[in-house]
Protein backbone atom coordinates (compact mmCIF):
# COMPACT_ATOMS: atom_id res chain seq x y z
CA MET A 1 -91.53 104.90 -10.82
CA LYS A 2 -92.41 108.53 -11.67
CA THR A 3 -91.60 109.73 -15.18
CA SER A 4 -91.59 113.15 -16.83
CA LEU A 5 -91.10 112.35 -20.50
CA SER A 6 -92.24 114.47 -23.43
CA GLY A 7 -91.83 114.53 -27.19
CA VAL A 8 -90.14 111.60 -28.91
CA PRO A 9 -89.05 109.81 -25.68
CA GLU A 10 -92.66 109.87 -24.51
CA THR A 11 -93.85 108.04 -27.63
CA THR A 12 -91.65 105.08 -26.73
CA LEU A 13 -94.27 104.24 -24.08
CA TRP A 14 -97.05 103.94 -26.69
CA PRO A 15 -96.16 100.37 -27.79
CA LEU A 16 -95.86 99.41 -24.12
CA HIS A 17 -99.36 100.80 -23.52
CA ASN A 18 -100.81 98.88 -26.46
CA ARG A 19 -99.07 95.60 -25.62
CA ALA A 20 -99.93 95.77 -21.92
CA SER A 21 -103.53 96.67 -22.69
CA GLU A 22 -103.84 93.65 -24.99
CA ALA A 23 -102.08 91.37 -22.50
CA ALA A 24 -104.41 92.51 -19.70
CA ARG A 25 -107.55 91.56 -21.66
CA THR A 26 -109.12 88.24 -20.72
CA ASP A 27 -109.68 87.54 -24.43
CA GLY A 28 -106.39 89.08 -25.53
CA CYS A 29 -104.26 87.42 -28.19
CA ILE A 30 -101.02 87.72 -26.18
CA ARG A 31 -99.87 86.93 -22.65
CA ASP A 32 -96.95 88.98 -21.37
CA GLU A 33 -96.64 89.19 -17.60
CA LYS A 34 -93.29 91.03 -17.77
CA CYS A 35 -94.84 93.72 -19.97
CA LEU A 36 -97.68 94.14 -17.47
CA GLU A 37 -95.18 94.34 -14.61
CA ILE A 38 -93.22 97.11 -16.33
CA TYR A 39 -96.39 98.93 -17.43
CA ARG A 40 -97.78 98.99 -13.90
CA ALA A 41 -94.44 100.01 -12.36
CA ILE A 42 -94.25 103.24 -14.40
CA ASP A 43 -96.34 106.06 -12.91
CA TYR A 44 -97.66 107.55 -16.15
CA ASP A 45 -101.05 108.60 -17.51
CA TYR A 46 -101.07 106.45 -20.65
CA VAL A 47 -104.72 107.15 -21.49
CA ARG A 48 -104.22 110.93 -21.35
CA SER A 49 -101.32 110.73 -23.80
CA PHE A 50 -102.31 107.86 -26.09
CA GLY A 51 -106.04 107.37 -25.60
CA THR A 52 -107.95 104.28 -24.58
CA TYR A 53 -106.68 101.09 -26.18
CA SER A 54 -109.22 99.72 -28.64
CA GLY A 55 -107.51 96.65 -30.04
CA THR A 56 -107.96 97.89 -33.60
CA ARG A 57 -104.30 98.82 -33.81
CA SER A 58 -103.22 95.26 -33.11
CA CYS A 59 -105.83 93.92 -35.55
CA LEU A 60 -104.48 96.20 -38.26
CA GLY A 61 -100.95 95.14 -37.39
CA ASN A 62 -101.89 91.47 -37.64
CA ARG A 63 -103.58 92.02 -41.00
CA CYS A 64 -100.52 93.89 -42.28
CA LEU A 65 -98.22 91.10 -41.09
CA ALA A 66 -100.37 88.43 -42.75
CA LEU A 67 -100.36 90.39 -46.01
CA ARG A 68 -96.58 90.82 -45.90
CA ARG A 69 -96.12 87.09 -45.33
CA ARG A 70 -98.42 86.26 -48.21
CA LEU A 71 -96.67 88.68 -50.55
CA SER A 72 -93.22 87.40 -49.60
CA CYS A 73 -94.34 83.85 -50.47
CA MET A 74 -95.48 85.05 -53.89
CA ALA A 75 -92.24 86.91 -54.69
CA VAL A 76 -89.98 85.05 -57.06
């Protein structure tokens, strides 16, 4: 499927790129075959627009989520 997105609509593909990149890793922390199917079906140059996936974004997200959970447990 060919796409010609730009601006804000284009950025909606960024989470798809990150999730699919993590799901495609052999040592990835998620498995999401549907995400990979959608990702591969869209004819788009993800790397040109969003760069090579490094995994650090998901690590930061996981750390942030863990911190939020810990803080919510401490709130009284």
